[in-house]
């Protein structure tokens, strides 16, 4: 199970993973452009600095060995 919070977020996004290790994290904007990408083993928690991103809707994509998890997030300032 993966939780992404807070949503809406302002400066930081917290990812809590209690399932299979995540090996890729991507955030894409409404135009489909990558605005954040991280490739590492995530077994539990990670904090992402999103303070440089513009306000609006985004999609966070988390990949593990079983598949892909997509969650909508909103960034507000």
Protein backbone atom coordinates (compact mmCIF):
# COMPACT_ATOMS: atom_id res chain seq x y z
CA UNK A 1 0.00 0.00 0.00
CA UNK A 2 1.26 3.48 -0.90
CA UNK A 3 0.05 6.76 0.59
CA UNK A 4 0.84 10.17 -0.88
CA UNK A 5 0.05 13.22 1.24
CA UNK A 6 -0.78 16.00 1.89
CA UNK A 7 -3.07 16.56 -1.04
CA UNK A 8 -3.30 19.42 -1.86
CA UNK A 9 0.37 20.03 -1.08
CA UNK A 10 2.46 23.19 -0.90
CA UNK A 11 6.20 22.66 -0.33
CA UNK A 12 6.67 18.95 0.38
CA UNK A 13 5.04 15.70 -0.61
CA UNK A 14 5.30 12.66 1.65
CA UNK A 15 5.26 9.12 0.24
CA UNK A 16 4.70 6.25 2.67
CA UNK A 17 5.21 2.79 1.21
CA UNK A 18 4.25 -0.33 3.14
CA UNK A 19 4.27 -2.72 0.18
CA UNK A 20 6.74 -3.79 -2.47
CA UNK A 21 9.77 -1.55 -3.01
CA UNK A 22 9.16 1.30 -5.43
CA UNK A 23 11.92 1.65 -8.00
CA UNK A 24 10.74 4.75 -9.88
CA UNK A 25 8.90 7.93 -8.88
CA UNK A 26 7.77 10.45 -11.49
CA UNK A 27 5.65 13.57 -11.31
CA UNK A 28 4.19 14.83 -14.57
CA UNK A 29 2.29 18.02 -15.34
CA UNK A 30 -0.95 18.38 -17.34
CA UNK A 31 1.06 18.63 -20.58
CA UNK A 32 2.62 15.21 -19.94
CA UNK A 33 6.09 16.59 -19.16
CA UNK A 34 8.22 15.10 -16.39
CA UNK A 35 8.81 17.69 -13.68
CA UNK A 36 10.36 15.27 -11.18
CA UNK A 37 11.97 11.86 -11.56
CA UNK A 38 13.75 9.63 -9.06
CA UNK A 39 14.98 6.10 -9.59
CA UNK A 40 15.90 4.40 -6.34
CA UNK A 41 14.64 1.69 -4.06
CA UNK A 42 11.94 3.08 -1.78
CA UNK A 43 10.99 0.63 0.94
CA UNK A 44 9.22 2.91 3.39
CA UNK A 45 9.09 6.74 3.44
CA UNK A 46 10.30 9.55 1.21
CA UNK A 47 9.81 13.30 1.28
CA UNK A 48 9.92 15.18 -2.03
CA UNK A 49 10.60 18.92 -2.23
CA UNK A 50 7.96 20.34 -4.58
CA UNK A 51 8.43 24.01 -3.68
CA UNK A 52 9.80 24.78 -7.16
CA UNK A 53 6.70 23.44 -8.97
CA UNK A 54 3.93 25.75 -10.15
CA UNK A 55 0.47 25.46 -8.58
CA UNK A 56 -1.93 23.13 -10.35
CA UNK A 57 -2.81 19.48 -10.94
CA UNK A 58 -0.14 16.82 -11.43
CA UNK A 59 0.07 13.06 -11.69
CA UNK A 60 2.49 11.10 -9.54
CA UNK A 61 3.53 7.73 -10.97
CA UNK A 62 5.07 5.08 -8.71
CA UNK A 63 6.43 1.87 -10.21
CA UNK A 64 7.19 -1.41 -8.47
CA UNK A 65 7.77 -4.95 -9.73
CA UNK A 66 4.03 -5.68 -9.87
CA UNK A 67 2.99 -2.61 -11.85
CA UNK A 68 2.31 1.10 -11.78
CA UNK A 69 0.40 3.22 -9.27
CA UNK A 70 -0.96 6.58 -10.46
CA UNK A 71 -2.32 9.22 -8.12
CA UNK A 72 -3.59 12.71 -8.83
CA UNK A 73 -2.10 15.46 -6.71
CA UNK A 74 -2.69 19.20 -6.51
CA UNK A 75 -0.01 21.73 -5.69
CA UNK A 76 -1.08 25.04 -4.23
CA UNK A 77 0.92 27.99 -2.94
